[in-house]
Amino acid sequence: MLLLFNIHCKTEKKTENIQIKNIQDQAQTFTTPMGKEFKIEIPSQKILDQYTEAKATYEKYPDSIETIIWYGRRTAYLGLYDDAITVYSKGIAQFPNEPRLYRHRGHRYISVRKFDEAIADLEYAGKLIDGTVNTIEPDGMPNAKNIPVSTLHGNIWYHLGLAYYLRHDYEKAFDAYVKCRKSGSLPDNIVSSTHWLYMIQRRLGNKELANEMLRPITPHMDVIENQSYYRLCQLYKNMVPVDSLLQIGTGNPSNDALSYGVANWYFYNGDKKTAKKLMTDLVESSTWSSFGYIAAESDLLHYFQK
């Protein structure tokens, strides 16, 4: 029995190594608009197993919208964003009126800095959901409480607002985030949309309207996932000092969101030197597809490298 167990373990290990090697062979290098080159990191075994399962299910049921979406999502979680876009594009060819496919493809167009394509997809998704009932969107990477906190409508408007923001089209970004905030009453949705609504109006020089956006922010909100956005909203509302947020660092999407928000706070409060330093520090990290990283990169190119 011990011999059989050892053989089984060696077989599993060999299979795992083959899977990782296959992912490494697929690995795409990505060069950011600032000329920094990154290569996909080796995924955890759990993420790899989820991808393998989603791929097998898709190959068995290629005409199912659900399997297409999850195959695309699991592919994206590997960092293979162009491959995920291809999966969604094939799905759109089959189901041209499915808003979820445009929502997810639009998200991944943002990851690879194709903002115009993202805007086109997300605008169309917005039209497709007009008059429909909003639904909770299942999590691909569940939070600590395993409670989904985002919706289809909210995610469409959130990512559309982000794409416009990254294009520095603040008026259209604001309109999208207004729709995002109206799409759901969960605290996580309120703090994430309010963060962007406030920043956008500060960028536009409308401090009074920006402060008006902070009305829904209160102490002790039951935020499950978007703690970084909540802390930033507390900063904007003078509930916490900026010094309390300066030591967070970068290196994961949540920390990057916080770091970018702090850098942006310095930017619209007139301290462009500190803003530039914090944004530069952020883009020196390796989390090149986080929204905080992409926003800092976009600002550095737009405001500091002209």
Protein backbone atom coordinates (compact mmCIF):
# COMPACT_ATOMS: atom_id res chain seq x y z
CA MET A 1 0.00 0.00 0.00
CA LEU A 2 2.89 2.33 0.80
CA LEU A 3 4.36 1.67 -2.64
CA LEU A 4 1.02 2.42 -4.30
CA PHE A 5 0.69 5.64 -2.26
CA ASN A 6 4.16 6.78 -3.34
CA ILE A 7 3.38 6.04 -6.98
CA HIS A 8 0.09 7.96 -6.69
CA CYS A 9 1.85 10.98 -5.12
CA LYS A 10 4.55 10.98 -7.80
CA THR A 11 1.88 10.80 -10.51
CA GLU A 12 -0.01 13.75 -8.98
CA LYS A 13 3.21 15.75 -8.68
CA LYS A 14 4.13 14.99 -12.29
CA THR A 15 0.66 16.07 -13.46
CA GLU A 16 0.94 19.27 -11.43
CA ASN A 17 4.36 20.04 -12.95
CA ILE A 18 3.03 19.42 -16.46
CA GLN A 19 0.09 21.78 -15.81
CA ILE A 20 2.39 24.53 -14.52
CA LYS A 21 4.73 24.01 -17.48
CA ASN A 22 1.78 24.35 -19.86
CA ILE A 23 0.77 27.64 -18.22
CA GLN A 24 4.35 28.91 -18.34
CA ASP A 25 4.52 28.05 -22.03
CA GLN A 26 1.31 30.06 -22.60
CA ALA A 27 2.55 32.94 -20.48
CA GLN A 28 2.16 36.26 -22.17
CA THR A 29 4.59 39.05 -21.59
CA PHE A 30 2.97 42.42 -21.31
CA THR A 31 4.69 45.73 -21.91
CA THR A 32 2.96 48.61 -20.18
CA PRO A 33 2.54 52.02 -21.84
CA MET A 34 5.51 53.13 -19.71
CA GLY A 35 7.72 50.44 -21.24
CA LYS A 36 7.83 48.06 -18.27
CA GLU A 37 7.73 44.39 -19.23
CA PHE A 38 6.02 41.76 -17.10
CA LYS A 39 5.49 38.03 -17.43
CA ILE A 40 2.74 36.00 -15.83
CA GLU A 41 3.55 34.53 -12.43
CA ILE A 42 3.10 30.84 -11.70
CA PRO A 43 -0.45 30.41 -10.37
CA SER A 44 -1.32 28.64 -7.15
CA GLN A 45 -2.41 25.03 -7.50
CA LYS A 46 -5.94 25.99 -6.44
CA ILE A 47 -6.27 28.59 -9.22
CA LEU A 48 -4.73 26.16 -11.68
CA ASP A 49 -7.17 23.40 -10.70
CA GLN A 50 -10.12 25.78 -11.05
CA TYR A 51 -8.92 26.79 -14.51
CA THR A 52 -8.45 23.15 -15.56
CA GLU A 53 -11.96 22.29 -14.39
CA ALA A 54 -13.51 25.32 -16.12
CA LYS A 55 -11.69 24.50 -19.36
CA ALA A 56 -12.86 20.87 -19.28
CA THR A 57 -16.45 21.96 -18.60
CA TYR A 58 -16.30 24.47 -21.46
CA GLU A 59 -14.98 21.83 -23.84
CA LYS A 60 -17.84 19.55 -22.82
CA TYR A 61 -20.52 22.28 -23.02
CA PRO A 62 -19.20 24.91 -25.47
CA ASP A 63 -22.68 26.30 -26.15
CA SER A 64 -23.43 27.22 -22.54
CA ILE A 65 -23.18 30.91 -21.62
CA GLU A 66 -22.28 29.99 -18.04
CA THR A 67 -19.37 27.74 -19.05
CA ILE A 68 -18.07 30.37 -21.48
CA ILE A 69 -18.12 33.03 -18.75
CA TRP A 70 -16.38 30.86 -16.18
CA TYR A 71 -13.78 29.62 -18.65
CA GLY A 72 -13.01 33.24 -19.50
CA ARG A 73 -12.89 34.28 -15.85
CA ARG A 74 -10.61 31.42 -14.83
CA THR A 75 -8.35 32.15 -17.79
CA ALA A 76 -8.13 35.78 -16.72
CA TYR A 77 -7.24 34.79 -13.15
CA LEU A 78 -4.11 33.17 -14.60
CA GLY A 79 -3.13 36.54 -16.04
CA LEU A 80 -3.83 35.37 -19.60
CA TYR A 81 -5.97 38.40 -20.38
CA ASP A 82 -5.69 38.25 -24.16
CA ASP A 83 -6.73 34.60 -24.06
CA ALA A 84 -9.69 35.51 -21.85
CA ILE A 85 -10.70 38.21 -24.33
CA THR A 86 -10.61 35.58 -27.09
CA VAL A 87 -12.88 33.31 -25.04
CA TYR A 88 -15.40 36.13 -24.53
CA SER A 89 -15.20 37.15 -28.18
CA LYS A 90 -16.07 33.63 -29.29
CA GLY A 91 -18.93 33.68 -26.81
CA ILE A 92 -20.19 36.99 -28.17
CA ALA A 93 -20.20 35.52 -31.67
CA GLN A 94 -22.58 32.86 -30.30
CA PHE A 95 -24.58 35.11 -27.99
CA PRO A 96 -24.37 38.69 -29.33
CA ASN A 97 -27.01 40.01 -26.91
CA GLU A 98 -25.59 38.61 -23.67
CA PRO A 99 -24.54 41.60 -21.47
CA ARG A 100 -22.37 39.49 -19.16
CA LEU A 101 -19.98 38.65 -21.97
CA TYR A 102 -19.50 42.32 -22.84
CA ARG A 103 -19.13 43.16 -19.14
CA HIS A 104 -16.30 40.65 -18.67
CA ARG A 105 -14.58 41.39 -21.96
CA GLY A 106 -14.74 45.10 -21.20
CA HIS A 107 -13.09 44.47 -17.84
CA ARG A 108 -10.23 42.60 -19.46
CA TYR A 109 -9.78 45.23 -22.16
CA ILE A 110 -9.03 47.58 -19.25
CA SER A 111 -6.41 45.11 -17.98
CA VAL A 112 -4.54 45.31 -21.28
CA ARG A 113 -5.05 49.11 -21.61
CA LYS A 114 -7.48 48.97 -24.52
CA PHE A 115 -9.73 51.62 -23.03
CA ASP A 116 -11.67 52.50 -26.18
CA GLU A 117 -12.59 48.84 -26.71
CA ALA A 118 -13.59 48.58 -23.06
CA ILE A 119 -15.83 51.63 -23.35
CA ALA A 120 -17.51 50.24 -26.47
CA ASP A 121 -18.22 46.88 -24.77
CA LEU A 122 -19.44 48.36 -21.51
CA GLU A 123 -21.61 51.00 -23.18
CA TYR A 124 -23.27 48.24 -25.18
CA ALA A 125 -23.69 46.10 -22.05
CA GLY A 126 -25.38 49.10 -20.43
CA LYS A 127 -27.88 49.25 -23.27
CA LEU A 128 -28.54 45.51 -23.04
CA ILE A 129 -29.43 45.67 -19.35
CA ASP A 130 -31.79 48.61 -19.73
CA GLY A 131 -35.10 47.68 -18.15
CA THR A 132 -33.82 44.36 -16.77
CA VAL A 133 -33.76 43.20 -13.16
CA ASN A 134 -30.36 43.50 -11.50
CA THR A 135 -28.73 40.31 -10.20
CA ILE A 136 -25.93 39.47 -7.78
CA GLU A 137 -22.79 38.43 -9.63
CA PRO A 138 -21.12 35.29 -8.27
CA ASP A 139 -17.57 35.71 -7.00
CA GLY A 140 -14.69 34.04 -8.78
CA MET A 141 -12.46 34.71 -5.80
CA PRO A 142 -14.79 34.77 -2.76
CA ASN A 143 -14.16 37.19 0.11
CA ALA A 144 -13.52 36.09 3.70
CA LYS A 145 -17.25 35.85 4.45
CA ASN A 146 -18.03 34.13 1.14
CA ILE A 147 -20.77 36.70 0.52
CA PRO A 148 -20.95 38.17 -3.03
CA VAL A 149 -21.13 41.96 -2.81
CA SER A 150 -21.38 43.08 -6.44
CA THR A 151 -24.08 42.98 -9.11
CA LEU A 152 -24.14 42.71 -12.88
CA HIS A 153 -25.46 46.25 -13.33
CA GLY A 154 -23.05 47.64 -10.76
CA ASN A 155 -20.06 45.99 -12.39
CA ILE A 156 -21.00 47.24 -15.84
CA TRP A 157 -21.29 50.86 -14.65
CA TYR A 158 -18.23 50.57 -12.38
CA HIS A 159 -15.93 49.37 -15.14
CA LEU A 160 -17.38 51.83 -17.66
CA GLY A 161 -16.73 54.66 -15.22
CA LEU A 162 -13.19 53.41 -14.71
CA ALA A 163 -12.51 53.18 -18.46
CA TYR A 164 -13.70 56.76 -18.96
CA TYR A 165 -11.66 57.90 -15.95
CA LEU A 166 -8.53 56.30 -17.39
CA ARG A 167 -9.25 58.23 -20.59
CA HIS A 168 -9.53 61.38 -18.41
CA ASP A 169 -13.10 61.88 -19.61
CA TYR A 170 -14.29 62.81 -16.14
CA GLU A 171 -17.81 63.94 -17.01
CA LYS A 172 -18.72 60.59 -18.60
CA ALA A 173 -16.91 58.73 -15.82
CA PHE A 174 -19.02 60.61 -13.26
CA ASP A 175 -22.27 59.74 -15.05
CA ALA A 176 -21.33 56.04 -15.07
CA TYR A 177 -20.48 56.03 -11.36
CA VAL A 178 -23.77 57.74 -10.53
CA LYS A 179 -25.50 54.81 -12.24
CA CYS A 180 -23.19 52.45 -10.38
CA ARG A 181 -24.16 53.88 -7.00
CA LYS A 182 -27.85 53.72 -7.89
CA SER A 183 -27.50 50.07 -8.90
CA GLY A 184 -27.30 48.70 -5.36
CA SER A 185 -27.50 49.60 -1.69
CA LEU A 186 -24.87 47.20 -0.33
CA PRO A 187 -22.19 49.09 1.66
CA ASP A 188 -19.44 47.71 -0.57
CA ASN A 189 -21.14 49.20 -3.63
CA ILE A 190 -21.71 52.53 -1.88
CA VAL A 191 -18.09 53.01 -0.79
CA SER A 192 -16.56 51.93 -4.12
CA SER A 193 -18.74 54.19 -6.24
CA THR A 194 -18.52 57.10 -3.78
CA HIS A 195 -14.73 56.94 -3.85
CA TRP A 196 -14.68 57.52 -7.59
CA LEU A 197 -17.50 60.08 -7.54
CA TYR A 198 -15.61 62.16 -5.00
CA MET A 199 -12.27 61.93 -6.78
CA ILE A 200 -13.77 62.83 -10.13
CA GLN A 201 -15.41 65.99 -8.81
CA ARG A 202 -12.19 67.00 -7.08
CA ARG A 203 -10.38 66.51 -10.40
CA LEU A 204 -13.00 68.76 -12.01
CA GLY A 205 -12.46 71.38 -9.32
CA ASN A 206 -15.93 70.99 -7.81
CA LYS A 207 -15.08 70.59 -4.12
CA GLU A 208 -18.60 71.39 -2.91
CA LEU A 209 -20.19 68.75 -5.14
CA ALA A 210 -17.43 66.30 -4.22
CA ASN A 211 -18.27 66.71 -0.54
CA GLU A 212 -21.95 66.26 -1.36
CA MET A 213 -21.05 62.84 -2.77
CA LEU A 214 -19.83 61.77 0.68
CA ARG A 215 -23.27 61.95 2.34
CA PRO A 216 -23.82 58.15 2.36
CA ILE A 217 -20.51 57.55 4.15
CA THR A 218 -21.00 56.95 7.87
CA PRO A 219 -18.94 55.42 10.70
CA HIS A 220 -19.09 51.65 11.20
CA MET A 221 -20.43 50.71 7.77
CA ASP A 222 -20.63 46.94 7.27
CA VAL A 223 -18.10 46.79 4.43
CA ILE A 224 -16.99 43.25 3.64
CA GLU A 225 -14.66 43.55 0.67
CA ASN A 226 -13.92 47.16 -0.27
CA GLN A 227 -12.17 48.24 2.90
CA SER A 228 -9.62 50.29 0.96
CA TYR A 229 -12.34 52.36 -0.67
CA TYR A 230 -14.07 52.78 2.69
CA ARG A 231 -10.88 54.05 4.32
CA LEU A 232 -10.37 56.50 1.47
CA CYS A 233 -13.93 57.77 1.81
CA GLN A 234 -13.25 58.25 5.52
CA LEU A 235 -10.16 60.27 4.58
CA TYR A 236 -12.18 62.45 2.21
CA LYS A 237 -14.73 63.05 4.98
CA ASN A 238 -11.99 63.95 7.53
CA MET A 239 -12.79 60.89 9.62
CA VAL A 240 -9.17 59.63 9.48
CA PRO A 241 -5.88 61.50 8.87
CA VAL A 242 -3.90 60.95 5.68
CA ASP A 243 -0.88 59.86 7.75
CA SER A 244 -2.81 56.77 8.82
CA LEU A 245 -2.97 55.61 5.20
CA LEU A 246 0.58 56.38 4.10
CA GLN A 247 2.27 53.25 5.41
CA ILE A 248 0.17 50.72 3.55
CA GLY A 249 2.53 50.06 0.64
CA THR A 250 1.74 48.41 -2.67
CA GLY A 251 1.79 44.90 -4.05
CA ASN A 252 -1.84 43.75 -4.21
CA PRO A 253 -4.98 45.26 -5.78
CA SER A 254 -6.46 46.42 -2.46
CA ASN A 255 -3.29 48.17 -1.32
CA ASP A 256 -2.79 49.65 -4.79
CA ALA A 257 -6.28 51.15 -4.69
CA LEU A 258 -5.47 52.74 -1.34
CA SER A 259 -2.07 54.00 -2.49
CA TYR A 260 -3.52 55.51 -5.64
CA GLY A 261 -6.30 57.19 -3.69
CA VAL A 262 -3.79 58.79 -1.34
CA ALA A 263 -1.59 59.91 -4.25
CA ASN A 264 -4.64 61.38 -5.95
CA TRP A 265 -5.62 63.17 -2.69
CA TYR A 266 -2.27 64.96 -2.80
CA PHE A 267 -2.73 65.66 -6.51
CA TYR A 268 -6.03 67.53 -6.25
CA ASN A 269 -4.95 69.24 -3.04
CA GLY A 270 -2.11 70.88 -4.94
CA ASP A 271 0.90 68.81 -3.84
CA LYS A 272 1.84 67.48 -7.25
CA LYS A 273 5.38 66.55 -6.15
CA THR A 274 4.17 64.11 -3.50
CA ALA A 275 1.47 62.82 -5.84
CA LYS A 276 4.03 62.06 -8.53
CA LYS A 277 6.33 60.28 -6.08
CA LEU A 278 3.55 58.07 -4.74
CA MET A 279 2.31 57.24 -8.23
CA THR A 280 5.85 56.48 -9.37
CA ASP A 281 6.36 54.18 -6.37
CA LEU A 282 3.14 52.41 -7.27
CA VAL A 283 4.15 51.68 -10.86
CA GLU A 284 7.46 50.29 -9.62
CA SER A 285 5.51 47.39 -8.10
CA SER A 286 4.70 44.17 -9.96
CA THR A 287 0.90 44.33 -9.78
CA TRP A 288 0.64 45.76 -13.28
CA SER A 289 -3.03 44.84 -13.84
CA SER A 290 -4.48 46.29 -10.62
CA PHE A 291 -6.77 49.28 -11.12
CA GLY A 292 -4.64 51.41 -8.80
CA TYR A 293 -1.55 50.63 -10.84
CA ILE A 294 -3.29 51.37 -14.15
CA ALA A 295 -4.74 54.64 -12.84
CA ALA A 296 -1.35 55.80 -11.53
CA GLU A 297 0.26 54.87 -14.84
CA SER A 298 -2.41 56.76 -16.78
CA ASP A 299 -1.96 59.88 -14.64
CA LEU A 300 1.81 59.82 -14.88
CA LEU A 301 1.61 59.68 -18.65
CA HIS A 302 -1.13 62.29 -18.92
CA TYR A 303 -0.02 64.88 -16.36
CA PHE A 304 3.70 64.37 -15.74
CA GLN A 305 5.27 63.23 -19.02
CA LYS A 306 4.01 65.83 -21.45
